[in-house]
N, C-alpha and C. Protein backbone atom coordinates (compact mmCIF):
# COMPACT_ATOMS: atom_id res chain seq x y z
N MET A 1 12.43 -8.53 2.02
CA MET A 1 11.06 -9.02 2.06
C MET A 1 10.48 -9.05 0.65
N LYS A 2 9.51 -9.88 0.47
CA LYS A 2 8.90 -10.07 -0.85
C LYS A 2 8.21 -8.79 -1.34
N THR A 3 7.48 -8.11 -0.47
CA THR A 3 6.76 -6.90 -0.86
C THR A 3 7.73 -5.81 -1.28
N GLU A 4 8.82 -5.68 -0.55
CA GLU A 4 9.81 -4.65 -0.87
C GLU A 4 10.42 -4.89 -2.24
N LEU A 5 10.69 -6.14 -2.58
CA LEU A 5 11.27 -6.45 -3.88
C LEU A 5 10.28 -6.13 -4.99
N VAL A 6 9.01 -6.44 -4.78
CA VAL A 6 7.99 -6.16 -5.79
C VAL A 6 7.87 -4.66 -5.99
N VAL A 7 7.88 -3.90 -4.91
CA VAL A 7 7.73 -2.44 -4.99
C VAL A 7 8.91 -1.83 -5.75
N LYS A 8 10.10 -2.30 -5.50
CA LYS A 8 11.28 -1.75 -6.16
C LYS A 8 11.33 -2.09 -7.65
N GLU A 9 10.71 -3.19 -8.03
CA GLU A 9 10.74 -3.61 -9.43
C GLU A 9 9.71 -2.89 -10.30
N LEU A 10 8.67 -2.33 -9.71
CA LEU A 10 7.62 -1.66 -10.47
C LEU A 10 8.10 -0.30 -10.99
N SER A 11 7.55 0.09 -12.13
CA SER A 11 7.87 1.42 -12.66
C SER A 11 7.09 2.47 -11.87
N THR A 12 7.46 3.72 -12.04
CA THR A 12 6.81 4.80 -11.29
C THR A 12 5.31 4.89 -11.59
N PRO A 13 4.87 4.84 -12.85
CA PRO A 13 3.41 4.88 -13.10
C PRO A 13 2.68 3.68 -12.48
N GLU A 14 3.34 2.50 -12.53
CA GLU A 14 2.73 1.32 -11.91
C GLU A 14 2.62 1.50 -10.41
N LEU A 15 3.63 2.11 -9.80
CA LEU A 15 3.59 2.36 -8.35
C LEU A 15 2.44 3.29 -7.99
N LYS A 16 2.23 4.32 -8.80
CA LYS A 16 1.14 5.27 -8.52
C LYS A 16 -0.21 4.58 -8.66
N ASP A 17 -0.35 3.71 -9.65
CA ASP A 17 -1.60 2.95 -9.80
C ASP A 17 -1.81 2.01 -8.62
N ARG A 18 -0.74 1.34 -8.23
CA ARG A 18 -0.82 0.40 -7.09
C ARG A 18 -1.16 1.15 -5.81
N LEU A 19 -0.62 2.36 -5.66
CA LEU A 19 -0.91 3.18 -4.48
C LEU A 19 -2.40 3.50 -4.41
N ASP A 20 -2.99 3.88 -5.54
CA ASP A 20 -4.43 4.16 -5.57
C ASP A 20 -5.24 2.93 -5.20
N VAL A 21 -4.85 1.78 -5.71
CA VAL A 21 -5.56 0.53 -5.41
C VAL A 21 -5.44 0.19 -3.93
N GLU A 22 -4.24 0.31 -3.37
CA GLU A 22 -4.03 -0.01 -1.95
C GLU A 22 -4.81 0.93 -1.04
N LYS A 23 -4.83 2.22 -1.38
CA LYS A 23 -5.57 3.19 -0.57
C LYS A 23 -7.07 2.89 -0.61
N ALA A 24 -7.58 2.55 -1.79
CA ALA A 24 -9.01 2.21 -1.91
C ALA A 24 -9.33 0.96 -1.10
N GLU A 25 -8.46 -0.02 -1.17
CA GLU A 25 -8.68 -1.26 -0.42
C GLU A 25 -8.63 -1.00 1.09
N LEU A 26 -7.70 -0.17 1.52
CA LEU A 26 -7.60 0.17 2.94
C LEU A 26 -8.86 0.88 3.41
N ASN A 27 -9.35 1.84 2.64
CA ASN A 27 -10.57 2.54 3.01
C ASN A 27 -11.76 1.59 3.09
N ARG A 28 -11.85 0.67 2.13
CA ARG A 28 -12.93 -0.30 2.13
C ARG A 28 -12.87 -1.19 3.37
N MET A 29 -11.66 -1.63 3.70
CA MET A 29 -11.49 -2.49 4.87
C MET A 29 -11.80 -1.75 6.16
N LYS A 30 -11.41 -0.48 6.26
CA LYS A 30 -11.70 0.31 7.45
C LYS A 30 -13.20 0.48 7.64
N LEU A 31 -13.92 0.77 6.55
CA LEU A 31 -15.37 0.91 6.64
C LEU A 31 -16.02 -0.40 7.05
N ASN A 32 -15.60 -1.49 6.44
CA ASN A 32 -16.16 -2.79 6.81
C ASN A 32 -15.86 -3.14 8.25
N HIS A 33 -14.67 -2.78 8.71
CA HIS A 33 -14.28 -3.08 10.09
C HIS A 33 -15.10 -2.25 11.09
N ALA A 34 -15.48 -1.06 10.69
CA ALA A 34 -16.28 -0.21 11.57
C ALA A 34 -17.69 -0.78 11.73
N ILE A 35 -18.21 -1.39 10.68
CA ILE A 35 -19.55 -1.96 10.72
C ILE A 35 -19.55 -3.30 11.45
N SER A 36 -18.69 -4.18 11.01
CA SER A 36 -18.55 -5.48 11.67
C SER A 36 -17.08 -5.86 11.64
N PRO A 37 -16.58 -6.47 12.71
CA PRO A 37 -15.15 -6.77 12.78
C PRO A 37 -14.66 -7.61 11.60
N VAL A 38 -13.50 -7.23 11.10
CA VAL A 38 -12.88 -7.96 10.00
C VAL A 38 -12.34 -9.27 10.57
N GLU A 39 -12.37 -10.31 9.75
CA GLU A 39 -11.91 -11.62 10.19
C GLU A 39 -10.45 -11.57 10.63
N ASN A 40 -9.61 -10.88 9.87
CA ASN A 40 -8.19 -10.77 10.19
C ASN A 40 -7.80 -9.29 10.18
N PRO A 41 -7.82 -8.62 11.33
CA PRO A 41 -7.49 -7.19 11.37
C PRO A 41 -6.03 -6.88 11.01
N ASN A 42 -5.20 -7.89 10.98
CA ASN A 42 -3.81 -7.65 10.58
C ASN A 42 -3.70 -7.29 9.11
N LEU A 43 -4.73 -7.58 8.32
CA LEU A 43 -4.72 -7.18 6.92
C LEU A 43 -4.74 -5.66 6.78
N ILE A 44 -5.41 -4.97 7.69
CA ILE A 44 -5.43 -3.51 7.68
C ILE A 44 -4.00 -2.99 7.88
N LYS A 45 -3.30 -3.58 8.82
CA LYS A 45 -1.91 -3.20 9.08
C LYS A 45 -1.04 -3.48 7.86
N LYS A 46 -1.28 -4.60 7.20
CA LYS A 46 -0.52 -4.97 6.00
C LYS A 46 -0.71 -3.94 4.89
N HIS A 47 -1.94 -3.48 4.69
CA HIS A 47 -2.20 -2.48 3.65
C HIS A 47 -1.54 -1.15 4.00
N LYS A 48 -1.58 -0.76 5.27
CA LYS A 48 -0.91 0.48 5.69
C LYS A 48 0.59 0.41 5.41
N ARG A 49 1.18 -0.72 5.71
CA ARG A 49 2.63 -0.87 5.49
C ARG A 49 2.98 -0.89 4.02
N THR A 50 2.12 -1.50 3.21
CA THR A 50 2.36 -1.52 1.77
C THR A 50 2.28 -0.11 1.21
N ILE A 51 1.31 0.67 1.67
CA ILE A 51 1.18 2.07 1.24
C ILE A 51 2.43 2.84 1.63
N ALA A 52 2.91 2.63 2.84
CA ALA A 52 4.11 3.32 3.30
C ALA A 52 5.33 2.94 2.45
N ARG A 53 5.44 1.65 2.09
CA ARG A 53 6.56 1.21 1.25
C ARG A 53 6.50 1.86 -0.12
N ILE A 54 5.30 1.94 -0.68
CA ILE A 54 5.15 2.55 -2.00
C ILE A 54 5.51 4.03 -1.94
N LEU A 55 5.01 4.74 -0.94
CA LEU A 55 5.31 6.16 -0.80
C LEU A 55 6.80 6.39 -0.59
N THR A 56 7.44 5.52 0.19
CA THR A 56 8.87 5.63 0.42
C THR A 56 9.65 5.44 -0.88
N GLU A 57 9.26 4.45 -1.66
CA GLU A 57 9.94 4.20 -2.93
C GLU A 57 9.73 5.36 -3.91
N LEU A 58 8.52 5.91 -3.96
CA LEU A 58 8.27 7.06 -4.83
C LEU A 58 9.12 8.25 -4.40
N ARG A 59 9.22 8.47 -3.10
CA ARG A 59 10.03 9.58 -2.59
C ARG A 59 11.51 9.36 -2.89
N ARG A 60 11.97 8.12 -2.75
CA ARG A 60 13.37 7.81 -3.03
C ARG A 60 13.69 8.09 -4.49
N ARG A 61 12.78 7.73 -5.37
CA ARG A 61 12.99 7.98 -6.80
C ARG A 61 12.95 9.48 -7.11
N GLU A 62 12.08 10.20 -6.42
CA GLU A 62 11.98 11.64 -6.61
C GLU A 62 13.28 12.33 -6.20
N MET A 63 13.86 11.87 -5.10
CA MET A 63 15.10 12.48 -4.61
C MET A 63 16.30 12.11 -5.50
N ALA A 64 16.24 10.99 -6.17
CA ALA A 64 17.35 10.54 -7.02
C ALA A 64 17.42 11.33 -8.32
N VAL A 65 16.32 11.93 -8.70
CA VAL A 65 16.28 12.65 -9.99
C VAL A 65 16.91 14.00 -9.86
C-alpha cells in the first residue's frame, strides 16, 4: 500500500513528528465529529490506521536495534 511505503521510507525522527501530527489531527476530527457529524467518517478510521502503521514501524525499528 502507498501509506506503508511512505512510512517505511521516513526516518525515525520524521516518523515521530508525523505521529504527533496524525494524533493531533485525529483528536481534532473526533472533537468535530462529536459536535457535528464529519462529512466522511472514514477519515477518522484512516487516521487511526496511519497511527497504528507508524507505531508498528517504530516498534519494528526498536526491536531491530
